[in-house]
Protein backbone atom coordinates (compact mmCIF):
# COMPACT_ATOMS: atom_id res chain seq x y z
CA UNK A 1 0.00 0.00 0.00
CA UNK A 2 1.34 3.43 -0.91
CA UNK A 3 0.67 5.10 2.44
CA UNK A 4 2.55 2.36 4.28
CA UNK A 5 5.50 2.69 1.89
CA UNK A 6 5.54 6.45 2.35
CA UNK A 7 5.40 6.03 6.13
CA UNK A 8 8.36 3.66 5.99
CA UNK A 9 10.31 6.09 3.79
CA UNK A 10 9.69 8.90 6.28
CA UNK A 11 10.71 6.71 9.22
CA UNK A 12 13.91 5.79 7.37
CA UNK A 13 14.55 9.49 6.74
CA UNK A 14 14.10 10.25 10.43
CA UNK A 15 16.52 7.47 11.35
CA UNK A 16 19.10 8.74 8.86
CA UNK A 17 18.79 12.29 10.20
CA UNK A 18 19.19 11.05 13.76
CA UNK A 19 22.33 9.11 12.83
CA UNK A 20 23.68 12.18 11.05
CA UNK A 21 23.06 14.32 14.13
CA UNK A 22 24.84 11.75 16.29
CA UNK A 23 27.89 11.77 14.01
CA UNK A 24 28.02 15.57 13.82
CA UNK A 25 27.47 16.21 17.53
CA UNK A 26 31.22 16.24 18.24
CA UNK A 27 31.93 18.77 15.48
CA UNK A 28 32.30 22.05 17.36
CA UNK A 29 32.48 24.05 14.13
CA UNK A 30 28.78 23.50 13.43
CA UNK A 31 26.40 26.10 14.83
CA UNK A 32 23.95 24.88 17.51
CA UNK A 33 20.96 25.73 15.33
CA UNK A 34 22.11 23.08 12.83
CA UNK A 35 21.72 20.30 15.40
CA UNK A 36 18.34 21.74 16.36
CA UNK A 37 17.26 21.79 12.72
CA UNK A 38 18.24 18.15 12.22
CA UNK A 39 16.33 17.13 15.36
CA UNK A 40 13.29 19.13 14.27
CA UNK A 41 13.20 17.57 10.81
CA UNK A 42 13.68 14.07 12.25
CA UNK A 43 10.77 14.68 14.61
CA UNK A 44 8.59 15.98 11.78
CA UNK A 45 9.41 12.91 9.69
CA UNK A 46 8.40 10.63 12.57
CA UNK A 47 5.17 12.55 13.11
CA UNK A 48 4.32 12.37 9.41
CA UNK A 49 5.14 8.65 9.35
CA UNK A 50 2.80 8.09 12.28
CA UNK A 51 0.04 10.11 10.59
CA UNK A 52 0.42 8.13 7.36
CA UNK A 53 0.33 4.83 9.24
CA UNK A 54 -2.89 5.92 10.95
CA UNK A 55 -4.35 6.98 7.60
CA UNK A 56 -3.42 3.64 6.04
CA UNK A 57 -5.08 1.79 8.91
CA UNK A 58 -8.23 3.89 8.60
CA UNK A 59 -8.28 3.34 4.85
CA UNK A 60 -8.01 -0.43 5.33
CA UNK A 61 -10.97 -0.36 7.72
CA UNK A 62 -13.00 1.73 5.26
CA UNK A 63 -12.51 -0.90 2.57
CA UNK A 64 -13.39 -3.90 4.74
CA UNK A 65 -16.61 -5.61 3.82
CA UNK A 66 -19.26 -5.64 6.52
CA UNK A 67 -19.76 -8.94 8.31
CA UNK A 68 -22.97 -10.68 7.66
PDB file of N, CA and C in Angstrom:
ATOM      1  N   UNK A   1       0.848  -1.183   0.000  1.00  0.00           N
ATOM      2  CA  UNK A   1       0.000   0.000   0.000  1.00  0.00           C
ATOM      3  C   UNK A   1       0.895   1.248   0.000  1.00  0.00           C
ATOM      4  N   UNK A   2       0.518   2.229  -0.729  1.00  0.00           N
ATOM      5  CA  UNK A   2       1.335   3.425  -0.911  1.00  0.00           C
ATOM      6  C   UNK A   2       1.551   4.192   0.394  1.00  0.00           C
ATOM      7  N   UNK A   3       0.514   4.344   1.190  1.00  0.00           N
ATOM      8  CA  UNK A   3       0.670   5.096   2.443  1.00  0.00           C
ATOM      9  C   UNK A   3       1.663   4.416   3.375  1.00  0.00           C
ATOM     10  N   UNK A   4       1.598   3.092   3.441  1.00  0.00           N
ATOM     11  CA  UNK A   4       2.551   2.360   4.282  1.00  0.00           C
ATOM     12  C   UNK A   4       3.978   2.539   3.781  1.00  0.00           C
ATOM     13  N   UNK A   5       4.158   2.503   2.465  1.00  0.00           N
ATOM     14  CA  UNK A   5       5.495   2.685   1.887  1.00  0.00           C
ATOM     15  C   UNK A   5       6.013   4.091   2.166  1.00  0.00           C
ATOM     16  N   UNK A   6       5.136   5.071   2.051  1.00  0.00           N
ATOM     17  CA  UNK A   6       5.539   6.448   2.345  1.00  0.00           C
ATOM     18  C   UNK A   6       5.885   6.616   3.824  1.00  0.00           C
ATOM     19  N   UNK A   7       5.113   5.969   4.691  1.00  0.00           N
ATOM     20  CA  UNK A   7       5.398   6.034   6.126  1.00  0.00           C
ATOM     21  C   UNK A   7       6.763   5.422   6.426  1.00  0.00           C
ATOM     22  N   UNK A   8       7.063   4.302   5.788  1.00  0.00           N
ATOM     23  CA  UNK A   8       8.361   3.658   5.988  1.00  0.00           C
ATOM     24  C   UNK A   8       9.492   4.553   5.482  1.00  0.00           C
ATOM     25  N   UNK A   9       9.284   5.193   4.334  1.00  0.00           N
ATOM     26  CA  UNK A   9      10.307   6.093   3.790  1.00  0.00           C
ATOM     27  C   UNK A   9      10.571   7.253   4.748  1.00  0.00           C
ATOM     28  N   UNK A  10       9.518   7.801   5.328  1.00  0.00           N
ATOM     29  CA  UNK A  10       9.685   8.901   6.282  1.00  0.00           C
ATOM     30  C   UNK A  10      10.375   8.435   7.561  1.00  0.00           C
ATOM     31  N   UNK A  11      10.049   7.244   8.019  1.00  0.00           N
ATOM     32  CA  UNK A  11      10.712   6.713   9.218  1.00  0.00           C
ATOM     33  C   UNK A  11      12.193   6.479   8.940  1.00  0.00           C
ATOM     34  N   UNK A  12      12.506   5.977   7.748  1.00  0.00           N
ATOM     35  CA  UNK A  12      13.914   5.788   7.366  1.00  0.00           C
ATOM     36  C   UNK A  12      14.646   7.125   7.292  1.00  0.00           C
ATOM     37  N   UNK A  13      13.962   8.145   6.799  1.00  0.00           N
ATOM     38  CA  UNK A  13      14.546   9.487   6.736  1.00  0.00           C
ATOM     39  C   UNK A  13      14.836  10.003   8.147  1.00  0.00           C
ATOM     40  N   UNK A  14      13.903   9.810   9.048  1.00  0.00           N
ATOM     41  CA  UNK A  14      14.100  10.247  10.434  1.00  0.00           C
ATOM     42  C   UNK A  14      15.286   9.532  11.068  1.00  0.00           C
ATOM     43  N   UNK A  15      15.402   8.247  10.803  1.00  0.00           N
ATOM     44  CA  UNK A  15      16.521   7.474  11.346  1.00  0.00           C
ATOM     45  C   UNK A  15      17.845   7.981  10.787  1.00  0.00           C
ATOM     46  N   UNK A  16      17.876   8.239   9.481  1.00  0.00           N
ATOM     47  CA  UNK A  16      19.102   8.744   8.856  1.00  0.00           C
ATOM     48  C   UNK A  16      19.484  10.110   9.426  1.00  0.00           C
ATOM     49  N   UNK A  17      18.506  10.976   9.619  1.00  0.00           N
ATOM     50  CA  UNK A  17      18.785  12.291  10.197  1.00  0.00           C
ATOM     51  C   UNK A  17      19.306  12.169  11.626  1.00  0.00           C
ATOM     52  N   UNK A  18      18.738  11.255  12.387  1.00  0.00           N
ATOM     53  CA  UNK A  18      19.187  11.049  13.763  1.00  0.00           C
ATOM     54  C   UNK A  18      20.626  10.544  13.791  1.00  0.00           C
ATOM     55  N   UNK A  19      20.949   9.608  12.902  1.00  0.00           N
ATOM     56  CA  UNK A  19      22.331   9.107  12.827  1.00  0.00           C
ATOM     57  C   UNK A  19      23.288  10.225  12.407  1.00  0.00           C
ATOM     58  N   UNK A  20      22.859  11.055  11.474  1.00  0.00           N
ATOM     59  CA  UNK A  20      23.683  12.185  11.047  1.00  0.00           C
ATOM     60  C   UNK A  20      23.941  13.124  12.223  1.00  0.00           C
ATOM     61  N   UNK A  21      22.907  13.437  12.968  1.00  0.00           N
ATOM     62  CA  UNK A  21      23.059  14.322  14.130  1.00  0.00           C
ATOM     63  C   UNK A  21      24.027  13.724  15.144  1.00  0.00           C
ATOM     64  N   UNK A  22      23.928  12.414  15.345  1.00  0.00           N
ATOM     65  CA  UNK A  22      24.840  11.750  16.289  1.00  0.00           C
ATOM     66  C   UNK A  22      26.292  11.865  15.833  1.00  0.00           C
ATOM     67  N   UNK A  23      26.521  11.688  14.533  1.00  0.00           N
ATOM     68  CA  UNK A  23      27.890  11.767  14.008  1.00  0.00           C
ATOM     69  C   UNK A  23      28.435  13.193  14.067  1.00  0.00           C
ATOM     70  N   UNK A  24      27.575  14.177  13.867  1.00  0.00           N
ATOM     71  CA  UNK A  24      28.021  15.571  13.816  1.00  0.00           C
ATOM     72  C   UNK A  24      28.088  16.242  15.189  1.00  0.00           C
ATOM     73  N   UNK A  25      27.551  15.590  16.200  1.00  0.00           N
ATOM     74  CA  UNK A  25      27.469  16.205  17.533  1.00  0.00           C
ATOM     75  C   UNK A  25      28.837  16.656  18.048  1.00  0.00           C
ATOM     76  N   UNK A  26      29.875  15.910  17.747  1.00  0.00           N
ATOM     77  CA  UNK A  26      31.223  16.237  18.243  1.00  0.00           C
ATOM     78  C   UNK A  26      31.889  17.367  17.462  1.00  0.00           C
ATOM     79  N   UNK A  27      31.328  17.727  16.320  1.00  0.00           N
ATOM     80  CA  UNK A  27      31.929  18.766  15.479  1.00  0.00           C
ATOM     81  C   UNK A  27      31.577  20.143  16.039  1.00  0.00           C
ATOM     82  N   UNK A  28      32.538  20.761  16.711  1.00  0.00           N
ATOM     83  CA  UNK A  28      32.304  22.050  17.361  1.00  0.00           C
ATOM     84  C   UNK A  28      32.199  23.211  16.369  1.00  0.00           C
ATOM     85  N   UNK A  29      32.545  22.967  15.110  1.00  0.00           N
ATOM     86  CA  UNK A  29      32.476  24.049  14.127  1.00  0.00           C
ATOM     87  C   UNK A  29      31.052  24.285  13.621  1.00  0.00           C
ATOM     88  N   UNK A  30      30.160  23.335  13.873  1.00  0.00           N
ATOM     89  CA  UNK A  30      28.777  23.501  13.430  1.00  0.00           C
ATOM     90  C   UNK A  30      28.009  24.369  14.419  1.00  0.00           C
ATOM     91  N   UNK A  31      27.186  25.263  13.922  1.00  0.00           N
ATOM     92  CA  UNK A  31      26.401  26.102  14.832  1.00  0.00           C
ATOM     93  C   UNK A  31      25.322  25.265  15.538  1.00  0.00           C
ATOM     94  N   UNK A  32      24.953  25.645  16.749  1.00  0.00           N
ATOM     95  CA  UNK A  32      23.948  24.885  17.512  1.00  0.00           C
ATOM     96  C   UNK A  32      22.609  24.758  16.783  1.00  0.00           C
ATOM     97  N   UNK A  33      22.246  25.788  16.012  1.00  0.00           N
ATOM     98  CA  UNK A  33      20.964  25.727  15.326  1.00  0.00           C
ATOM     99  C   UNK A  33      20.922  24.587  14.313  1.00  0.00           C
ATOM    100  N   UNK A  34      22.082  24.158  13.815  1.00  0.00           N
ATOM    101  CA  UNK A  34      22.109  23.085  12.832  1.00  0.00           C
ATOM    102  C   UNK A  34      21.656  21.770  13.476  1.00  0.00           C
ATOM    103  N   UNK A  35      22.160  21.490  14.673  1.00  0.00           N
ATOM    104  CA  UNK A  35      21.719  20.295  15.403  1.00  0.00           C
ATOM    105  C   UNK A  35      20.221  20.378  15.703  1.00  0.00           C
ATOM    106  N   UNK A  36      19.767  21.560  16.084  1.00  0.00           N
ATOM    107  CA  UNK A  36      18.340  21.745  16.363  1.00  0.00           C
ATOM    108  C   UNK A  36      17.505  21.499  15.112  1.00  0.00           C
ATOM    109  N   UNK A  37      17.984  21.976  13.975  1.00  0.00           N
ATOM    110  CA  UNK A  37      17.259  21.789  12.719  1.00  0.00           C
ATOM    111  C   UNK A  37      17.159  20.310  12.362  1.00  0.00           C
ATOM    112  N   UNK A  38      18.255  19.584  12.517  1.00  0.00           N
ATOM    113  CA  UNK A  38      18.236  18.149  12.223  1.00  0.00           C
ATOM    114  C   UNK A  38      17.231  17.440  13.133  1.00  0.00           C
ATOM    115  N   UNK A  39      17.260  17.755  14.409  1.00  0.00           N
ATOM    116  CA  UNK A  39      16.332  17.126  15.357  1.00  0.00           C
ATOM    117  C   UNK A  39      14.883  17.466  15.020  1.00  0.00           C
ATOM    118  N   UNK A  40      14.643  18.710  14.628  1.00  0.00           N
ATOM    119  CA  UNK A  40      13.293  19.132  14.270  1.00  0.00           C
ATOM    120  C   UNK A  40      12.791  18.375  13.049  1.00  0.00           C
ATOM    121  N   UNK A  41      13.620  18.278  12.021  1.00  0.00           N
ATOM    122  CA  UNK A  41      13.198  17.568  10.809  1.00  0.00           C
ATOM    123  C   UNK A  41      13.016  16.079  11.067  1.00  0.00           C
ATOM    124  N   UNK A  42      13.851  15.481  11.896  1.00  0.00           N
ATOM    125  CA  UNK A  42      13.676  14.066  12.245  1.00  0.00           C
ATOM    126  C   UNK A  42      12.345  13.865  12.968  1.00  0.00           C
ATOM    127  N   UNK A  43      12.033  14.766  13.884  1.00  0.00           N
ATOM    128  CA  UNK A  43      10.770  14.684  14.610  1.00  0.00           C
ATOM    129  C   UNK A  43       9.580  14.845  13.669  1.00  0.00           C
ATOM    130  N   UNK A  44       9.679  15.772  12.746  1.00  0.00           N
ATOM    131  CA  UNK A  44       8.595  15.981  11.777  1.00  0.00           C
ATOM    132  C   UNK A  44       8.405  14.761  10.888  1.00  0.00           C
ATOM    133  N   UNK A  45       9.502  14.130  10.503  1.00  0.00           N
ATOM    134  CA  UNK A  45       9.410  12.907   9.695  1.00  0.00           C
ATOM    135  C   UNK A  45       8.702  11.808  10.476  1.00  0.00           C
ATOM    136  N   UNK A  46       9.047  11.662  11.754  1.00  0.00           N
ATOM    137  CA  UNK A  46       8.402  10.630  12.573  1.00  0.00           C
ATOM    138  C   UNK A  46       6.909  10.922  12.767  1.00  0.00           C
ATOM    139  N   UNK A  47       6.569  12.174  12.962  1.00  0.00           N
ATOM    140  CA  UNK A  47       5.166  12.546  13.109  1.00  0.00           C
ATOM    141  C   UNK A  47       4.398  12.256  11.827  1.00  0.00           C
ATOM    142  N   UNK A  48       4.970  12.626  10.695  1.00  0.00           N
ATOM    143  CA  UNK A  48       4.319  12.371   9.410  1.00  0.00           C
ATOM    144  C   UNK A  48       4.183  10.871   9.159  1.00  0.00           C
ATOM    145  N   UNK A  49       5.202  10.102   9.517  1.00  0.00           N
ATOM    146  CA  UNK A  49       5.138   8.648   9.352  1.00  0.00           C
ATOM    147  C   UNK A  49       3.999   8.072  10.190  1.00  0.00           C
ATOM    148  N   UNK A  50       3.875   8.544  11.410  1.00  0.00           N
ATOM    149  CA  UNK A  50       2.797   8.086  12.283  1.00  0.00           C
ATOM    150  C   UNK A  50       1.430   8.452  11.710  1.00  0.00           C
ATOM    151  N   UNK A  51       1.304   9.667  11.196  1.00  0.00           N
ATOM    152  CA  UNK A  51       0.045  10.109  10.591  1.00  0.00           C
ATOM    153  C   UNK A  51      -0.311   9.257   9.373  1.00  0.00           C
ATOM    154  N   UNK A  52       0.680   8.949   8.543  1.00  0.00           N
ATOM    155  CA  UNK A  52       0.424   8.130   7.358  1.00  0.00           C
ATOM    156  C   UNK A  52       0.052   6.699   7.737  1.00  0.00           C
ATOM    157  N   UNK A  53       0.676   6.173   8.770  1.00  0.00           N
ATOM    158  CA  UNK A  53       0.328   4.833   9.236  1.00  0.00           C
ATOM    159  C   UNK A  53      -1.117   4.808   9.734  1.00  0.00           C
ATOM    160  N   UNK A  54      -1.511   5.826  10.471  1.00  0.00           N
ATOM    161  CA  UNK A  54      -2.892   5.919  10.950  1.00  0.00           C
ATOM    162  C   UNK A  54      -3.864   6.044   9.782  1.00  0.00           C
ATOM    163  N   UNK A  55      -3.499   6.826   8.778  1.00  0.00           N
ATOM    164  CA  UNK A  55      -4.355   6.980   7.603  1.00  0.00           C
ATOM    165  C   UNK A  55      -4.479   5.664   6.843  1.00  0.00           C
ATOM    166  N   UNK A  56      -3.387   4.931   6.725  1.00  0.00           N
ATOM    167  CA  UNK A  56      -3.420   3.639   6.038  1.00  0.00           C
ATOM    168  C   UNK A  56      -4.323   2.663   6.783  1.00  0.00           C
ATOM    169  N   UNK A  57      -4.229   2.668   8.106  1.00  0.00           N
ATOM    170  CA  UNK A  57      -5.078   1.788   8.915  1.00  0.00           C
ATOM    171  C   UNK A  57      -6.545   2.153   8.749  1.00  0.00           C
ATOM    172  N   UNK A  58      -6.851   3.435   8.781  1.00  0.00           N
ATOM    173  CA  UNK A  58      -8.229   3.892   8.599  1.00  0.00           C
ATOM    174  C   UNK A  58      -8.742   3.526   7.213  1.00  0.00           C
ATOM    175  N   UNK A  59      -7.890   3.668   6.219  1.00  0.00           N
ATOM    176  CA  UNK A  59      -8.279   3.341   4.849  1.00  0.00           C
ATOM    177  C   UNK A  59      -8.573   1.846   4.714  1.00  0.00           C
ATOM    178  N   UNK A  60      -7.774   1.018   5.367  1.00  0.00           N
ATOM    179  CA  UNK A  60      -8.012  -0.428   5.330  1.00  0.00           C
ATOM    180  C   UNK A  60      -9.362  -0.762   5.949  1.00  0.00           C
ATOM    181  N   UNK A  61      -9.687  -0.108   7.065  1.00  0.00           N
ATOM    182  CA  UNK A  61     -10.970  -0.365   7.724  1.00  0.00           C
ATOM    183  C   UNK A  61     -12.133   0.132   6.873  1.00  0.00           C
ATOM    184  N   UNK A  62     -11.947   1.204   6.133  1.00  0.00           N
ATOM    185  CA  UNK A  62     -12.998   1.731   5.264  1.00  0.00           C
ATOM    186  C   UNK A  62     -13.317   0.771   4.126  1.00  0.00           C
ATOM    187  N   UNK A  63     -12.325  -0.001   3.708  1.00  0.00           N
ATOM    188  CA  UNK A  63     -12.506  -0.901   2.570  1.00  0.00           C
ATOM    189  C   UNK A  63     -12.868  -2.322   2.981  1.00  0.00           C
ATOM    190  N   UNK A  64     -12.980  -2.574   4.282  1.00  0.00           N
ATOM    191  CA  UNK A  64     -13.391  -3.897   4.739  1.00  0.00           C
ATOM    192  C   UNK A  64     -14.867  -4.093   4.443  1.00  0.00           C
ATOM    193  N   UNK A  65     -15.209  -5.311   4.072  1.00  0.00           N
ATOM    194  CA  UNK A  65     -16.612  -5.614   3.818  1.00  0.00           C
ATOM    195  C   UNK A  65     -17.304  -5.887   5.147  1.00  0.00           C
ATOM    196  N   UNK A  66     -18.535  -5.413   5.272  1.00  0.00           N
ATOM    197  CA  UNK A  66     -19.261  -5.643   6.521  1.00  0.00           C
ATOM    198  C   UNK A  66     -19.529  -7.138   6.729  1.00  0.00           C
ATOM    199  N   UNK A  67     -19.473  -7.539   7.982  1.00  0.00           N
ATOM    200  CA  UNK A  67     -19.756  -8.943   8.310  1.00  0.00           C
ATOM    201  C   UNK A  67     -21.245  -9.203   8.140  1.00  0.00           C
ATOM    202  N   UNK A  68     -21.553 -10.379   7.712  1.00  0.00           N
ATOM    203  CA  UNK A  68     -22.973 -10.676   7.658  1.00  0.00           C
ATOM    204  C   UNK A  68     -23.339 -11.308   6.423  1.00  0.00           C
TER     205      UNK A  68
END
